[in-house]
C-alpha atoms as a PDB file:
ATOM      1  CA  UNK A   1     -10.277  27.924  19.855  1.00  0.00           C
ATOM      2  CA  UNK A   2      -9.400  31.529  19.480  1.00  0.00           C
ATOM      3  CA  UNK A   3      -7.174  33.560  21.742  1.00  0.00           C
ATOM      4  CA  UNK A   4      -4.764  31.100  23.334  1.00  0.00           C
ATOM      5  CA  UNK A   5      -1.978  29.254  21.556  1.00  0.00           C
ATOM      6  CA  UNK A   6      -2.996  25.964  23.158  1.00  0.00           C
ATOM      7  CA  UNK A   7      -6.757  26.290  22.558  1.00  0.00           C
ATOM      8  CA  UNK A   8      -6.859  24.089  19.459  1.00  0.00           C
ATOM      9  CA  UNK A   9      -4.800  21.387  21.163  1.00  0.00           C
ATOM     10  CA  UNK A  10      -7.124  21.402  24.168  1.00  0.00           C
ATOM     11  CA  UNK A  11     -10.208  21.237  21.897  1.00  0.00           C
ATOM     12  CA  UNK A  12      -8.674  18.256  20.098  1.00  0.00           C
ATOM     13  CA  UNK A  13      -8.018  16.500  23.428  1.00  0.00           C
ATOM     14  CA  UNK A  14     -11.604  17.042  24.607  1.00  0.00           C
ATOM     15  CA  UNK A  15     -13.012  15.906  21.249  1.00  0.00           C
ATOM     16  CA  UNK A  16     -10.889  12.739  21.418  1.00  0.00           C
ATOM     17  CA  UNK A  17     -12.202  11.959  24.898  1.00  0.00           C
ATOM     18  CA  UNK A  18     -15.826  12.474  23.853  1.00  0.00           C
ATOM     19  CA  UNK A  19     -15.478  10.361  20.696  1.00  0.00           C
ATOM     20  CA  UNK A  20     -13.900   7.514  22.683  1.00  0.00           C
ATOM     21  CA  UNK A  21     -16.769   7.799  25.163  1.00  0.00           C
ATOM     22  CA  UNK A  22     -19.183   7.363  22.232  1.00  0.00           C
ATOM     23  CA  UNK A  23     -17.420   4.171  21.092  1.00  0.00           C
ATOM     24  CA  UNK A  24     -15.308   5.638  18.285  1.00  0.00           C
ATOM     25  CA  UNK A  25     -11.678   4.701  17.758  1.00  0.00           C
ATOM     26  CA  UNK A  26      -9.071   6.460  15.595  1.00  0.00           C
ATOM     27  CA  UNK A  27      -8.054   5.111  12.205  1.00  0.00           C
ATOM     28  CA  UNK A  28      -4.541   3.674  12.203  1.00  0.00           C
ATOM     29  CA  UNK A  29      -3.556   5.455   8.994  1.00  0.00           C
ATOM     30  CA  UNK A  30      -5.150   8.825   9.849  1.00  0.00           C
ATOM     31  CA  UNK A  31      -5.733   9.586  13.542  1.00  0.00           C
ATOM     32  CA  UNK A  32      -8.133  12.461  12.761  1.00  0.00           C
ATOM     33  CA  UNK A  33     -10.602   9.992  11.232  1.00  0.00           C
ATOM     34  CA  UNK A  34     -12.642   8.217  13.875  1.00  0.00           C
ATOM     35  CA  UNK A  35     -14.851   5.192  13.302  1.00  0.00           C
ATOM     36  CA  UNK A  36     -17.110   2.883  15.230  1.00  0.00           C
ATOM     37  CA  UNK A  37     -18.680  -0.425  14.320  1.00  0.00           C
ATOM     38  CA  UNK A  38     -22.453  -0.598  14.407  1.00  0.00           C
ATOM     39  CA  UNK A  39     -24.698  -3.647  14.548  1.00  0.00           C
ATOM     40  CA  UNK A  40     -27.289  -4.063  11.810  1.00  0.00           C
ATOM     41  CA  UNK A  41     -29.992  -2.891  14.259  1.00  0.00           C
ATOM     42  CA  UNK A  42     -28.223   0.459  14.806  1.00  0.00           C
ATOM     43  CA  UNK A  43     -26.667  -0.244  18.201  1.00  0.00           C
ATOM     44  CA  UNK A  44     -22.960   0.315  18.830  1.00  0.00           C
ATOM     45  CA  UNK A  45     -20.882  -2.859  18.553  1.00  0.00           C
ATOM     46  CA  UNK A  46     -18.440  -3.163  21.410  1.00  0.00           C
ATOM     47  CA  UNK A  47     -14.748  -3.506  20.636  1.00  0.00           C
ATOM     48  CA  UNK A  48     -14.774  -6.920  22.325  1.00  0.00           C
ATOM     49  CA  UNK A  49     -17.608  -8.120  20.069  1.00  0.00           C
ATOM     50  CA  UNK A  50     -15.820  -6.806  16.993  1.00  0.00           C
ATOM     51  CA  UNK A  51     -12.685  -8.720  17.979  1.00  0.00           C
ATOM     52  CA  UNK A  52     -14.757 -11.920  18.254  1.00  0.00           C
ATOM     53  CA  UNK A  53     -15.835 -11.706  14.601  1.00  0.00           C
ATOM     54  CA  UNK A  54     -14.104 -14.164  12.326  1.00  0.00           C
ATOM     55  CA  UNK A  55     -11.387 -12.488  10.262  1.00  0.00           C
ATOM     56  CA  UNK A  56     -12.493 -12.359   6.651  1.00  0.00           C
ATOM     57  CA  UNK A  57      -9.212 -11.281   5.119  1.00  0.00           C
ATOM     58  CA  UNK A  58      -5.727 -10.162   6.091  1.00  0.00           C
ATOM     59  CA  UNK A  59      -4.173  -6.924   4.873  1.00  0.00           C
ATOM     60  CA  UNK A  60      -0.578  -6.095   5.735  1.00  0.00           C
ATOM     61  CA  UNK A  61      -0.607  -8.645   8.527  1.00  0.00           C
ATOM     62  CA  UNK A  62      -3.781  -7.306  10.171  1.00  0.00           C
ATOM     63  CA  UNK A  63      -6.948  -9.391  10.239  1.00  0.00           C
ATOM     64  CA  UNK A  64     -10.028  -7.448   9.146  1.00  0.00           C
ATOM     65  CA  UNK A  65     -13.434  -8.771  10.182  1.00  0.00           C
ATOM     66  CA  UNK A  66     -16.517  -8.600   8.012  1.00  0.00           C
ATOM     67  CA  UNK A  67     -19.768  -8.407   9.935  1.00  0.00           C
ATOM     68  CA  UNK A  68     -23.450  -7.722   9.239  1.00  0.00           C
ATOM     69  CA  UNK A  69     -23.290  -4.156  10.531  1.00  0.00           C
ATOM     70  CA  UNK A  70     -21.663  -1.016   9.238  1.00  0.00           C
ATOM     71  CA  UNK A  71     -19.187   1.679  10.300  1.00  0.00           C
ATOM     72  CA  UNK A  72     -19.859   5.297  11.219  1.00  0.00           C
ATOM     73  CA  UNK A  73     -17.140   7.897  10.649  1.00  0.00           C
ATOM     74  CA  UNK A  74     -16.200  11.274  12.078  1.00  0.00           C
ATOM     75  CA  UNK A  75     -13.367  13.207  10.427  1.00  0.00           C
ATOM     76  CA  UNK A  76     -11.973  16.235  12.230  1.00  0.00           C
ATOM     77  CA  UNK A  77      -9.849  19.106  10.979  1.00  0.00           C
ATOM     78  CA  UNK A  78      -9.108  21.847  13.524  1.00  0.00           C
ATOM     79  CA  UNK A  79     -12.670  22.683  14.656  1.00  0.00           C
ATOM     80  CA  UNK A  80     -14.578  21.280  11.646  1.00  0.00           C
ATOM     81  CA  UNK A  81     -16.225  17.862  11.591  1.00  0.00           C
ATOM     82  CA  UNK A  82     -17.464  15.686   8.746  1.00  0.00           C
ATOM     83  CA  UNK A  83     -19.805  12.901   9.816  1.00  0.00           C
ATOM     84  CA  UNK A  84     -20.615   9.773   7.819  1.00  0.00           C
ATOM     85  CA  UNK A  85     -23.539   8.061   9.508  1.00  0.00           C
ATOM     86  CA  UNK A  86     -27.056   6.781   8.916  1.00  0.00           C
ATOM     87  CA  UNK A  87     -28.146   9.080  11.749  1.00  0.00           C
ATOM     88  CA  UNK A  88     -25.711  12.028  11.951  1.00  0.00           C
ATOM     89  CA  UNK A  89     -28.117  14.040  14.114  1.00  0.00           C
ATOM     90  CA  UNK A  90     -27.703  11.597  17.011  1.00  0.00           C
ATOM     91  CA  UNK A  91     -23.924  12.151  16.915  1.00  0.00           C
ATOM     92  CA  UNK A  92     -24.335  15.929  16.721  1.00  0.00           C
ATOM     93  CA  UNK A  93     -26.845  15.905  19.583  1.00  0.00           C
ATOM     94  CA  UNK A  94     -24.373  14.015  21.771  1.00  0.00           C
ATOM     95  CA  UNK A  95     -21.522  16.362  20.869  1.00  0.00           C
ATOM     96  CA  UNK A  96     -23.554  19.442  21.730  1.00  0.00           C
END
């Protein structure tokens, strides 16, 4: 990140690619917060499966599903990450 003017932009691009590869998607309201839906057994829920869930409520015209799993979060700011997960070490291991 240090030295070139475009280093932080390039790091952000690579991080985005890796997080998408892991099944994360950016939050609509804040694109530096990434989330992914997890099944109750700890496996990643595919986007297609999440779309199949019955919408539980509508907020600002967008249907939001409620499912038996949970969400994991990664928030990024420059080169710092905050991870909200039941198993953050697995995310860190993948990122390394």
